[in-house]
PDB file of N, CA and C in Angstrom:
ATOM      1  N   MET A   1     -24.349  -1.433 -30.589  1.00  0.00           N
ATOM      2  CA  MET A   1     -23.062  -0.795 -30.406  1.00  0.00           C
ATOM      3  C   MET A   1     -22.836  -0.401 -28.946  1.00  0.00           C
ATOM      4  N   GLU A   2     -23.929  -0.010 -28.266  1.00  0.00           N
ATOM      5  CA  GLU A   2     -23.777   0.362 -26.861  1.00  0.00           C
ATOM      6  C   GLU A   2     -23.415  -0.842 -26.005  1.00  0.00           C
ATOM      7  N   ASN A   3     -23.897  -2.029 -26.388  1.00  0.00           N
ATOM      8  CA  ASN A   3     -23.549  -3.232 -25.632  1.00  0.00           C
ATOM      9  C   ASN A   3     -22.059  -3.510 -25.689  1.00  0.00           C
ATOM     10  N   ILE A   4     -21.449  -3.327 -26.837  1.00  0.00           N
ATOM     11  CA  ILE A   4     -20.010  -3.554 -26.974  1.00  0.00           C
ATOM     12  C   ILE A   4     -19.235  -2.554 -26.132  1.00  0.00           C
ATOM     13  N   ILE A   5     -19.673  -1.305 -26.128  1.00  0.00           N
ATOM     14  CA  ILE A   5     -18.999  -0.291 -25.321  1.00  0.00           C
ATOM     15  C   ILE A   5     -19.107  -0.634 -23.844  1.00  0.00           C
ATOM     16  N   ASP A   6     -20.292  -1.061 -23.409  1.00  0.00           N
ATOM     17  CA  ASP A   6     -20.472  -1.441 -22.008  1.00  0.00           C
ATOM     18  C   ASP A   6     -19.601  -2.633 -21.641  1.00  0.00           C
ATOM     19  N   ILE A   7     -19.565  -3.617 -22.507  1.00  0.00           N
ATOM     20  CA  ILE A   7     -18.749  -4.804 -22.246  1.00  0.00           C
ATOM     21  C   ILE A   7     -17.277  -4.432 -22.164  1.00  0.00           C
ATOM     22  N   MET A   8     -16.803  -3.629 -23.109  1.00  0.00           N
ATOM     23  CA  MET A   8     -15.401  -3.233 -23.100  1.00  0.00           C
ATOM     24  C   MET A   8     -15.066  -2.367 -21.888  1.00  0.00           C
ATOM     25  N   LEU A   9     -16.019  -1.584 -21.439  1.00  0.00           N
ATOM     26  CA  LEU A   9     -15.807  -0.781 -20.237  1.00  0.00           C
ATOM     27  C   LEU A   9     -15.619  -1.684 -19.025  1.00  0.00           C
ATOM     28  N   TYR A  10     -16.456  -2.714 -18.905  1.00  0.00           N
ATOM     29  CA  TYR A  10     -16.304  -3.659 -17.799  1.00  0.00           C
ATOM     30  C   TYR A  10     -15.006  -4.462 -17.919  1.00  0.00           C
ATOM     31  N   VAL A  11     -14.616  -4.793 -19.133  1.00  0.00           N
ATOM     32  CA  VAL A  11     -13.345  -5.493 -19.332  1.00  0.00           C
ATOM     33  C   VAL A  11     -12.181  -4.599 -18.902  1.00  0.00           C
ATOM     34  N   SER A  12     -12.258  -3.317 -19.235  1.00  0.00           N
ATOM     35  CA  SER A  12     -11.185  -2.406 -18.839  1.00  0.00           C
ATOM     36  C   SER A  12     -11.149  -2.234 -17.323  1.00  0.00           C
ATOM     37  N   TYR A  13     -12.314  -2.214 -16.660  1.00  0.00           N
ATOM     38  CA  TYR A  13     -12.338  -2.174 -15.202  1.00  0.00           C
ATOM     39  C   TYR A  13     -11.660  -3.402 -14.619  1.00  0.00           C
ATOM     40  N   LEU A  14     -11.987  -4.557 -15.162  1.00  0.00           N
ATOM     41  CA  LEU A  14     -11.395  -5.803 -14.685  1.00  0.00           C
ATOM     42  C   LEU A  14      -9.878  -5.800 -14.889  1.00  0.00           C
ATOM     43  N   MET A  15      -9.437  -5.352 -16.056  1.00  0.00           N
ATOM     44  CA  MET A  15      -7.997  -5.301 -16.331  1.00  0.00           C
ATOM     45  C   MET A  15      -7.298  -4.339 -15.374  1.00  0.00           C
ATOM     46  N   PHE A  16      -7.936  -3.219 -15.051  1.00  0.00           N
ATOM     47  CA  PHE A  16      -7.355  -2.272 -14.110  1.00  0.00           C
ATOM     48  C   PHE A  16      -7.210  -2.896 -12.730  1.00  0.00           C
ATOM     49  N   VAL A  17      -8.246  -3.603 -12.277  1.00  0.00           N
ATOM     50  CA  VAL A  17      -8.192  -4.240 -10.965  1.00  0.00           C
ATOM     51  C   VAL A  17      -7.107  -5.306 -10.936  1.00  0.00           C
ATOM     52  N   VAL A  18      -7.008  -6.113 -11.978  1.00  0.00           N
ATOM     53  CA  VAL A  18      -5.975  -7.150 -12.037  1.00  0.00           C
ATOM     54  C   VAL A  18      -4.583  -6.517 -12.018  1.00  0.00           C
ATOM     55  N   ALA A  19      -4.390  -5.438 -12.767  1.00  0.00           N
ATOM     56  CA  ALA A  19      -3.097  -4.765 -12.794  1.00  0.00           C
ATOM     57  C   ALA A  19      -2.768  -4.145 -11.435  1.00  0.00           C
ATOM     58  N   ALA A  20      -3.765  -3.538 -10.791  1.00  0.00           N
ATOM     59  CA  ALA A  20      -3.535  -2.933  -9.475  1.00  0.00           C
ATOM     60  C   ALA A  20      -3.184  -3.998  -8.441  1.00  0.00           C
ATOM     61  N   VAL A  21      -3.911  -5.105  -8.454  1.00  0.00           N
ATOM     62  CA  VAL A  21      -3.605  -6.195  -7.524  1.00  0.00           C
ATOM     63  C   VAL A  21      -2.212  -6.751  -7.800  1.00  0.00           C
ATOM     64  N   GLY A  22      -1.887  -6.910  -9.055  1.00  0.00           N
ATOM     65  CA  GLY A  22      -0.560  -7.405  -9.399  1.00  0.00           C
ATOM     66  C   GLY A  22       0.541  -6.448  -8.976  1.00  0.00           C
ATOM     67  N   ALA A  23       0.306  -5.169  -9.125  1.00  0.00           N
ATOM     68  CA  ALA A  23       1.326  -4.175  -8.779  1.00  0.00           C
ATOM     69  C   ALA A  23       1.483  -4.013  -7.275  1.00  0.00           C
ATOM     70  N   ILE A  24       0.437  -4.293  -6.527  1.00  0.00           N
ATOM     71  CA  ILE A  24       0.505  -4.098  -5.081  1.00  0.00           C
ATOM     72  C   ILE A  24       0.813  -5.398  -4.348  1.00  0.00           C
ATOM     73  N   VAL A  25       0.131  -6.470  -4.697  1.00  0.00           N
ATOM     74  CA  VAL A  25       0.238  -7.710  -3.930  1.00  0.00           C
ATOM     75  C   VAL A  25       1.511  -8.490  -4.262  1.00  0.00           C
ATOM     76  N   LEU A  26       1.865  -8.593  -5.513  1.00  0.00           N
ATOM     77  CA  LEU A  26       3.023  -9.419  -5.877  1.00  0.00           C
ATOM     78  C   LEU A  26       4.343  -8.934  -5.262  1.00  0.00           C
ATOM     79  N   PRO A  27       4.653  -7.633  -5.251  1.00  0.00           N
ATOM     80  CA  PRO A  27       5.876  -7.221  -4.560  1.00  0.00           C
ATOM     81  C   PRO A  27       5.846  -7.510  -3.062  1.00  0.00           C
ATOM     82  N   ILE A  28       4.673  -7.406  -2.447  1.00  0.00           N
ATOM     83  CA  ILE A  28       4.579  -7.720  -1.018  1.00  0.00           C
ATOM     84  C   ILE A  28       4.821  -9.201  -0.790  1.00  0.00           C
ATOM     85  N   VAL A  29       4.239 -10.056  -1.629  1.00  0.00           N
ATOM     86  CA  VAL A  29       4.452 -11.504  -1.500  1.00  0.00           C
ATOM     87  C   VAL A  29       5.929 -11.836  -1.712  1.00  0.00           C
ATOM     88  N   LYS A  30       6.547 -11.203  -2.690  1.00  0.00           N
ATOM     89  CA  LYS A  30       7.966 -11.457  -2.967  1.00  0.00           C
ATOM     90  C   LYS A  30       8.848 -11.001  -1.810  1.00  0.00           C
ATOM     91  N   SER A  31       8.488  -9.889  -1.169  1.00  0.00           N
ATOM     92  CA  SER A  31       9.329  -9.367  -0.090  1.00  0.00           C
ATOM     93  C   SER A  31       9.111 -10.112   1.222  1.00  0.00           C
ATOM     94  N   LEU A  32       8.124 -10.977   1.294  1.00  0.00           N
ATOM     95  CA  LEU A  32       7.944 -11.771   2.512  1.00  0.00           C
ATOM     96  C   LEU A  32       9.065 -12.777   2.704  1.00  0.00           C
ATOM     97  N   ASP A  33       9.820 -13.053   1.646  1.00  0.00           N
ATOM     98  CA  ASP A  33      10.996 -13.910   1.788  1.00  0.00           C
ATOM     99  C   ASP A  33      12.048 -13.245   2.664  1.00  0.00           C
ATOM    100  N   ASN A  34      12.101 -11.911   2.615  1.00  0.00           N
ATOM    101  CA  ASN A  34      13.065 -11.144   3.388  1.00  0.00           C
ATOM    102  C   ASN A  34      12.303 -10.012   4.087  1.00  0.00           C
ATOM    103  N   PRO A  35      11.755 -10.246   5.281  1.00  0.00           N
ATOM    104  CA  PRO A  35      10.928  -9.240   5.948  1.00  0.00           C
ATOM    105  C   PRO A  35      11.668  -7.943   6.281  1.00  0.00           C
ATOM    106  N   LYS A  36      12.989  -8.012   6.409  1.00  0.00           N
ATOM    107  CA  LYS A  36      13.750  -6.789   6.711  1.00  0.00           C
ATOM    108  C   LYS A  36      13.686  -5.795   5.555  1.00  0.00           C
ATOM    109  N   SER A  37      13.387  -6.270   4.369  1.00  0.00           N
ATOM    110  CA  SER A  37      13.295  -5.372   3.226  1.00  0.00           C
ATOM    111  C   SER A  37      12.035  -4.515   3.265  1.00  0.00           C
ATOM    112  N   LEU A  38      11.101  -4.823   4.161  1.00  0.00           N
ATOM    113  CA  LEU A  38       9.868  -4.052   4.272  1.00  0.00           C
ATOM    114  C   LEU A  38       9.991  -2.854   5.209  1.00  0.00           C
ATOM    115  N   VAL A  39      11.127  -2.712   5.896  1.00  0.00           N
ATOM    116  CA  VAL A  39      11.266  -1.647   6.884  1.00  0.00           C
ATOM    117  C   VAL A  39      11.266  -0.272   6.219  1.00  0.00           C
ATOM    118  N   LYS A  40      12.038  -0.074   5.171  1.00  0.00           N
ATOM    119  CA  LYS A  40      12.099   1.231   4.515  1.00  0.00           C
ATOM    120  C   LYS A  40      10.772   1.628   3.878  1.00  0.00           C
ATOM    121  N   PRO A  41      10.123   0.750   3.113  1.00  0.00           N
ATOM    122  CA  PRO A  41       8.816   1.140   2.568  1.00  0.00           C
ATOM    123  C   PRO A  41       7.767   1.417   3.649  1.00  0.00           C
ATOM    124  N   ALA A  42       7.796   0.661   4.744  1.00  0.00           N
ATOM    125  CA  ALA A  42       6.849   0.912   5.831  1.00  0.00           C
ATOM    126  C   ALA A  42       7.130   2.265   6.472  1.00  0.00           C
ATOM    127  N   GLY A  43       8.395   2.617   6.621  1.00  0.00           N
ATOM    128  CA  GLY A  43       8.755   3.927   7.165  1.00  0.00           C
ATOM    129  C   GLY A  43       8.301   5.054   6.257  1.00  0.00           C
ATOM    130  N   ALA A  44       8.463   4.860   4.961  1.00  0.00           N
ATOM    131  CA  ALA A  44       8.016   5.872   4.006  1.00  0.00           C
ATOM    132  C   ALA A  44       6.502   6.025   4.050  1.00  0.00           C
ATOM    133  N   LEU A  45       5.787   4.921   4.149  1.00  0.00           N
ATOM    134  CA  LEU A  45       4.333   4.973   4.228  1.00  0.00           C
ATOM    135  C   LEU A  45       3.871   5.687   5.497  1.00  0.00           C
ATOM    136  N   VAL A  46       4.514   5.386   6.616  1.00  0.00           N
ATOM    137  CA  VAL A  46       4.182   6.058   7.872  1.00  0.00           C
ATOM    138  C   VAL A  46       4.469   7.560   7.753  1.00  0.00           C
ATOM    139  N   GLY A  47       5.584   7.918   7.111  1.00  0.00           N
ATOM    140  CA  GLY A  47       5.919   9.327   6.924  1.00  0.00           C
ATOM    141  C   GLY A  47       4.889  10.058   6.079  1.00  0.00           C
ATOM    142  N   ILE A  48       4.417   9.415   5.023  1.00  0.00           N
ATOM    143  CA  ILE A  48       3.406  10.049   4.167  1.00  0.00           C
ATOM    144  C   ILE A  48       2.082  10.186   4.918  1.00  0.00           C
ATOM    145  N   VAL A  49       1.725   9.195   5.730  1.00  0.00           N
ATOM    146  CA  VAL A  49       0.494   9.288   6.520  1.00  0.00           C
ATOM    147  C   VAL A  49       0.602  10.428   7.532  1.00  0.00           C
ATOM    148  N   ILE A  50       1.755  10.569   8.183  1.00  0.00           N
ATOM    149  CA  ILE A  50       1.951  11.667   9.137  1.00  0.00           C
ATOM    150  C   ILE A  50       1.883  13.005   8.418  1.00  0.00           C
ATOM    151  N   LEU A  51       2.516  13.098   7.232  1.00  0.00           N
ATOM    152  CA  LEU A  51       2.447  14.326   6.448  1.00  0.00           C
ATOM    153  C   LEU A  51       1.009  14.653   6.082  1.00  0.00           C
ATOM    154  N   PHE A  52       0.229  13.650   5.673  1.00  0.00           N
ATOM    155  CA  PHE A  52      -1.172  13.885   5.339  1.00  0.00           C
ATOM    156  C   PHE A  52      -1.952  14.371   6.550  1.00  0.00           C
ATOM    157  N   LEU A  53      -1.697  13.787   7.715  1.00  0.00           N
ATOM    158  CA  LEU A  53      -2.424  14.208   8.916  1.00  0.00           C
ATOM    159  C   LEU A  53      -2.107  15.658   9.271  1.00  0.00           C
ATOM    160  N   ILE A  54      -0.853  16.054   9.103  1.00  0.00           N
ATOM    161  CA  ILE A  54      -0.475  17.450   9.345  1.00  0.00           C
ATOM    162  C   ILE A  54      -1.165  18.360   8.339  1.00  0.00           C
ATOM    163  N   CYS A  55      -1.145  17.972   7.078  1.00  0.00           N
ATOM    164  CA  CYS A  55      -1.797  18.777   6.038  1.00  0.00           C
ATOM    165  C   CYS A  55      -3.303  18.814   6.233  1.00  0.00           C
ATOM    166  N   TYR A  56      -3.883  17.726   6.684  1.00  0.00           N
ATOM    167  CA  TYR A  56      -5.318  17.678   6.966  1.00  0.00           C
ATOM    168  C   TYR A  56      -5.667  18.647   8.090  1.00  0.00           C
ATOM    169  N   ALA A  57      -4.777  18.723   9.082  1.00  0.00           N
ATOM    170  CA  ALA A  57      -5.035  19.600  10.221  1.00  0.00           C
ATOM    171  C   ALA A  57      -5.019  21.076   9.817  1.00  0.00           C
ATOM    172  N   ILE A  58      -4.199  21.433   8.826  1.00  0.00           N
ATOM    173  CA  ILE A  58      -4.130  22.846   8.437  1.00  0.00           C
ATOM    174  C   ILE A  58      -5.053  23.184   7.273  1.00  0.00           C
ATOM    175  N   ALA A  59      -5.707  22.180   6.706  1.00  0.00           N
ATOM    176  CA  ALA A  59      -6.608  22.424   5.573  1.00  0.00           C
ATOM    177  C   ALA A  59      -7.892  23.089   6.045  1.00  0.00           C
ATOM    178  N   GLY A  60      -8.439  23.949   5.187  1.00  0.00           N
ATOM    179  CA  GLY A  60      -9.703  24.602   5.492  1.00  0.00           C
ATOM    180  C   GLY A  60     -10.884  23.717   5.126  1.00  0.00           C
ATOM    181  N   ASP A  61     -12.036  24.060   5.681  1.00  0.00           N
ATOM    182  CA  ASP A  61     -13.230  23.273   5.378  1.00  0.00           C
ATOM    183  C   ASP A  61     -14.340  24.147   4.795  1.00  0.00           C
ATOM    184  N   GLY A  62     -13.957  25.208   4.118  1.00  0.00           N
ATOM    185  CA  GLY A  62     -14.937  26.127   3.549  1.00  0.00           C
ATOM    186  C   GLY A  62     -15.641  25.528   2.335  1.00  0.00           C
ATOM    187  N   LEU A  63     -16.901  25.892   2.184  1.00  0.00           N
ATOM    188  CA  LEU A  63     -17.713  25.430   1.069  1.00  0.00           C
ATOM    189  C   LEU A  63     -18.375  26.625   0.409  1.00  0.00           C
ATOM    190  N   ASN A  64     -18.526  26.560  -0.899  1.00  0.00           N
ATOM    191  CA  ASN A  64     -19.314  27.583  -1.587  1.00  0.00           C
ATOM    192  C   ASN A  64     -20.672  26.993  -1.969  1.00  0.00           C
ATOM    193  N   ALA A  65     -21.528  27.821  -2.524  1.00  0.00           N
ATOM    194  CA  ALA A  65     -22.896  27.391  -2.823  1.00  0.00           C
ATOM    195  C   ALA A  65     -22.935  26.236  -3.824  1.00  0.00           C
ATOM    196  N   ARG A  66     -22.016  26.250  -4.784  1.00  0.00           N
ATOM    197  CA  ARG A  66     -21.994  25.189  -5.797  1.00  0.00           C
ATOM    198  C   ARG A  66     -21.644  23.846  -5.174  1.00  0.00           C
ATOM    199  N   LEU A  67     -20.696  23.825  -4.241  1.00  0.00           N
ATOM    200  CA  LEU A  67     -20.323  22.573  -3.589  1.00  0.00           C
ATOM    201  C   LEU A  67     -21.436  22.069  -2.681  1.00  0.00           C
ATOM    202  N   ILE A  68     -22.102  22.974  -2.005  1.00  0.00           N
ATOM    203  CA  ILE A  68     -23.216  22.573  -1.145  1.00  0.00           C
ATOM    204  C   ILE A  68     -24.338  21.968  -1.993  1.00  0.00           C
ATOM    205  N   ALA A  69     -24.598  22.582  -3.156  1.00  0.00           N
ATOM    206  CA  ALA A  69     -25.632  22.044  -4.051  1.00  0.00           C
ATOM    207  C   ALA A  69     -25.250  20.671  -4.582  1.00  0.00           C
ATOM    208  N   ALA A  70     -23.944  20.413  -4.718  1.00  0.00           N
ATOM    209  CA  ALA A  70     -23.484  19.117  -5.210  1.00  0.00           C
ATOM    210  C   ALA A  70     -23.492  18.053  -4.111  1.00  0.00           C
ATOM    211  N   GLY A  71     -23.745  18.467  -2.873  1.00  0.00           N
ATOM    212  CA  GLY A  71     -23.823  17.508  -1.786  1.00  0.00           C
ATOM    213  C   GLY A  71     -22.550  17.340  -0.993  1.00  0.00           C
ATOM    214  N   ALA A  72     -21.569  18.213  -1.181  1.00  0.00           N
ATOM    215  CA  ALA A  72     -20.316  18.106  -0.449  1.00  0.00           C
ATOM    216  C   ALA A  72     -20.515  18.568   0.992  1.00  0.00           C
ATOM    217  N   THR A  73     -19.761  17.994   1.890  1.00  0.00           N
ATOM    218  CA  THR A  73     -19.806  18.394   3.292  1.00  0.00           C
ATOM    219  C   THR A  73     -18.483  19.038   3.668  1.00  0.00           C
ATOM    220  N   SER A  74     -18.436  19.626   4.843  1.00  0.00           N
ATOM    221  CA  SER A  74     -17.193  20.264   5.273  1.00  0.00           C
ATOM    222  C   SER A  74     -16.100  19.217   5.504  1.00  0.00           C
ATOM    223  N   GLY A  75     -16.476  18.001   5.904  1.00  0.00           N
ATOM    224  CA  GLY A  75     -15.485  16.936   6.092  1.00  0.00           C
ATOM    225  C   GLY A  75     -14.839  16.531   4.777  1.00  0.00           C
ATOM    226  N   VAL A  76     -15.660  16.441   3.737  1.00  0.00           N
ATOM    227  CA  VAL A  76     -15.130  16.108   2.411  1.00  0.00           C
ATOM    228  C   VAL A  76     -14.203  17.221   1.932  1.00  0.00           C
ATOM    229  N   SER A  77     -14.613  18.460   2.159  1.00  0.00           N
ATOM    230  CA  SER A  77     -13.794  19.597   1.746  1.00  0.00           C
ATOM    231  C   SER A  77     -12.451  19.596   2.468  1.00  0.00           C
ATOM    232  N   LYS A  78     -12.470  19.301   3.761  1.00  0.00           N
ATOM    233  CA  LYS A  78     -11.224  19.257   4.532  1.00  0.00           C
ATOM    234  C   LYS A  78     -10.333  18.105   4.064  1.00  0.00           C
ATOM    235  N   PHE A  79     -10.929  16.953   3.765  1.00  0.00           N
ATOM    236  CA  PHE A  79     -10.163  15.799   3.300  1.00  0.00           C
ATOM    237  C   PHE A  79      -9.498  16.096   1.957  1.00  0.00           C
ATOM    238  N   VAL A  80     -10.263  16.687   1.038  1.00  0.00           N
ATOM    239  CA  VAL A  80      -9.708  17.033  -0.269  1.00  0.00           C
ATOM    240  C   VAL A  80      -8.623  18.088  -0.121  1.00  0.00           C
ATOM    241  N   GLY A  81      -8.850  19.070   0.737  1.00  0.00           N
ATOM    242  CA  GLY A  81      -7.837  20.093   0.984  1.00  0.00           C
ATOM    243  C   GLY A  81      -6.559  19.494   1.550  1.00  0.00           C
ATOM    244  N   GLY A  82      -6.704  18.556   2.474  1.00  0.00           N
ATOM    245  CA  GLY A  82      -5.524  17.881   3.032  1.00  0.00           C
ATOM    246  C   GLY A  82      -4.767  17.104   1.966  1.00  0.00           C
ATOM    247  N   GLY A  83      -5.505  16.450   1.079  1.00  0.00           N
ATOM    248  CA  GLY A  83      -4.859  15.715  -0.008  1.00  0.00           C
ATOM    249  C   GLY A  83      -4.132  16.641  -0.966  1.00  0.00           C
ATOM    250  N   LEU A  84      -4.751  17.783  -1.282  1.00  0.00           N
ATOM    251  CA  LEU A  84      -4.107  18.734  -2.190  1.00  0.00           C
ATOM    252  C   LEU A  84      -2.855  19.328  -1.567  1.00  0.00           C
ATOM    253  N   ILE A  85      -2.927  19.706  -0.301  1.00  0.00           N
ATOM    254  CA  ILE A  85      -1.747  20.276   0.359  1.00  0.00           C
ATOM    255  C   ILE A  85      -0.637  19.231   0.432  1.00  0.00           C
ATOM    256  N   THR A  86      -0.991  17.984   0.719  1.00  0.00           N
ATOM    257  CA  THR A  86       0.006  16.910   0.735  1.00  0.00           C
ATOM    258  C   THR A  86       0.671  16.767  -0.627  1.00  0.00           C
ATOM    259  N   MET A  87      -0.138  16.822  -1.696  1.00  0.00           N
ATOM    260  CA  MET A  87       0.416  16.725  -3.041  1.00  0.00           C
ATOM    261  C   MET A  87       1.362  17.890  -3.329  1.00  0.00           C
ATOM    262  N   TYR A  88       0.983  19.099  -2.913  1.00  0.00           N
ATOM    263  CA  TYR A  88       1.838  20.253  -3.143  1.00  0.00           C
ATOM    264  C   TYR A  88       3.169  20.096  -2.412  1.00  0.00           C
ATOM    265  N   VAL A  89       3.118  19.650  -1.164  1.00  0.00           N
ATOM    266  CA  VAL A  89       4.349  19.475  -0.377  1.00  0.00           C
ATOM    267  C   VAL A  89       5.244  18.423  -1.015  1.00  0.00           C
ATOM    268  N   LEU A  90       4.663  17.291  -1.424  1.00  0.00           N
ATOM    269  CA  LEU A  90       5.468  16.239  -2.050  1.00  0.00           C
ATOM    270  C   LEU A  90       6.029  16.686  -3.396  1.00  0.00           C
ATOM    271  N   PHE A  91       5.256  17.480  -4.153  1.00  0.00           N
ATOM    272  CA  PHE A  91       5.725  18.003  -5.442  1.00  0.00           C
ATOM    273  C   PHE A  91       6.901  18.948  -5.235  1.00  0.00           C
ATOM    274  N   ILE A  92       6.793  19.840  -4.272  1.00  0.00           N
ATOM    275  CA  ILE A  92       7.892  20.776  -3.999  1.00  0.00           C
ATOM    276  C   ILE A  92       9.115  20.020  -3.494  1.00  0.00           C
ATOM    277  N   ALA A  93       8.908  19.007  -2.644  1.00  0.00           N
ATOM    278  CA  ALA A  93      10.036  18.206  -2.158  1.00  0.00           C
ATOM    279  C   ALA A  93      10.729  17.486  -3.310  1.00  0.00           C
ATOM    280  N   ALA A  94       9.957  16.984  -4.268  1.00  0.00           N
ATOM    281  CA  ALA A  94      10.547  16.312  -5.428  1.00  0.00           C
ATOM    282  C   ALA A  94      11.344  17.299  -6.276  1.00  0.00           C
ATOM    283  N   LEU A  95      10.793  18.493  -6.497  1.00  0.00           N
ATOM    284  CA  LEU A  95      11.518  19.507  -7.272  1.00  0.00           C
ATOM    285  C   LEU A  95      12.809  19.910  -6.583  1.00  0.00           C
ATOM    286  N   VAL A  96      12.760  20.125  -5.273  1.00  0.00           N
ATOM    287  CA  VAL A  96      13.970  20.489  -4.524  1.00  0.00           C
ATOM    288  C   VAL A  96      14.994  19.361  -4.614  1.00  0.00           C
ATOM    289  N   GLY A  97      14.531  18.126  -4.516  1.00  0.00           N
ATOM    290  CA  GLY A  97      15.444  16.988  -4.631  1.00  0.00           C
ATOM    291  C   GLY A  97      16.095  16.905  -6.002  1.00  0.00           C
ATOM    292  N   ILE A  98      15.313  17.169  -7.052  1.00  0.00           N
ATOM    293  CA  ILE A  98      15.874  17.138  -8.412  1.00  0.00           C
ATOM    294  C   ILE A  98      16.904  18.236  -8.587  1.00  0.00           C
ATOM    295  N   VAL A  99      16.577  19.453  -8.147  1.00  0.00           N
ATOM    296  CA  VAL A  99      17.508  20.579  -8.285  1.00  0.00           C
ATOM    297  C   VAL A  99      18.775  20.319  -7.475  1.00  0.00           C
ATOM    298  N   PHE A 100      18.613  19.830  -6.240  1.00  0.00           N
ATOM    299  CA  PHE A 100      19.780  19.536  -5.406  1.00  0.00           C
ATOM    300  C   PHE A 100      20.664  18.474  -6.049  1.00  0.00           C
ATOM    301  N   THR A 101      20.055  17.439  -6.592  1.00  0.00           N
ATOM    302  CA  THR A 101      20.829  16.380  -7.237  1.00  0.00           C
ATOM    303  C   THR A 101      21.593  16.907  -8.439  1.00  0.00           C
ATOM    304  N   GLU A 102      20.942  17.722  -9.252  1.00  0.00           N
ATOM    305  CA  GLU A 102      21.622  18.268 -10.436  1.00  0.00           C
ATOM    306  C   GLU A 102      22.756  19.204 -10.057  1.00  0.00           C
ATOM    307  N   ILE A 103      22.556  20.023  -9.043  1.00  0.00           N
ATOM    308  CA  ILE A 103      23.621  20.915  -8.575  1.00  0.00           C
ATOM    309  C   ILE A 103      24.761  20.108  -8.001  1.00  0.00           C
ATOM    310  N   ASN A 104      24.431  19.078  -7.255  1.00  0.00           N
ATOM    311  CA  ASN A 104      25.463  18.216  -6.671  1.00  0.00           C
ATOM    312  C   ASN A 104      26.270  17.509  -7.763  1.00  0.00           C
ATOM    313  N   LYS A 105      25.601  17.058  -8.837  1.00  0.00           N
ATOM    314  CA  LYS A 105      26.310  16.435  -9.962  1.00  0.00           C
ATOM    315  C   LYS A 105      27.212  17.430 -10.661  1.00  0.00           C
ATOM    316  N   ALA A 106      26.741  18.663 -10.818  1.00  0.00           N
ATOM    317  CA  ALA A 106      27.532  19.683 -11.509  1.00  0.00           C
ATOM    318  C   ALA A 106      28.768  20.058 -10.704  1.00  0.00           C
ATOM    319  N   ILE A 107      28.672  20.059  -9.401  1.00  0.00           N
ATOM    320  CA  ILE A 107      29.819  20.405  -8.557  1.00  0.00           C
ATOM    321  C   ILE A 107      30.866  19.295  -8.593  1.00  0.00           C
ATOM    322  N   LYS A 108      30.418  18.052  -8.626  1.00  0.00           N
ATOM    323  CA  LYS A 108      31.361  16.928  -8.647  1.00  0.00           C
ATOM    324  C   LYS A 108      31.874  16.778 -10.020  1.00  0.00           C
TER     325      LYS A 108
END
């Protein structure tokens, strides 16, 4: 029974990789027909990278005893903190956008 579970686990890994490649590579290949269509997504990607770098710069690198015992370093802590702050900023921006859109619809 454990062999079947292991096999299915590897099959699910393979399916995930195929789906990820399909979701990432195929739209890029399709958009190569019209390279101007890549400008907005590239700008958004650059904006998110800049936001992450800002959040990384303000993130703390503190560790507690449990994290040190688990092998975490201050660099890992700072990277995770930067990712969390980036997620919080993007989440708040999405909420503000939703509220603004709904208010704008109600006014019109």
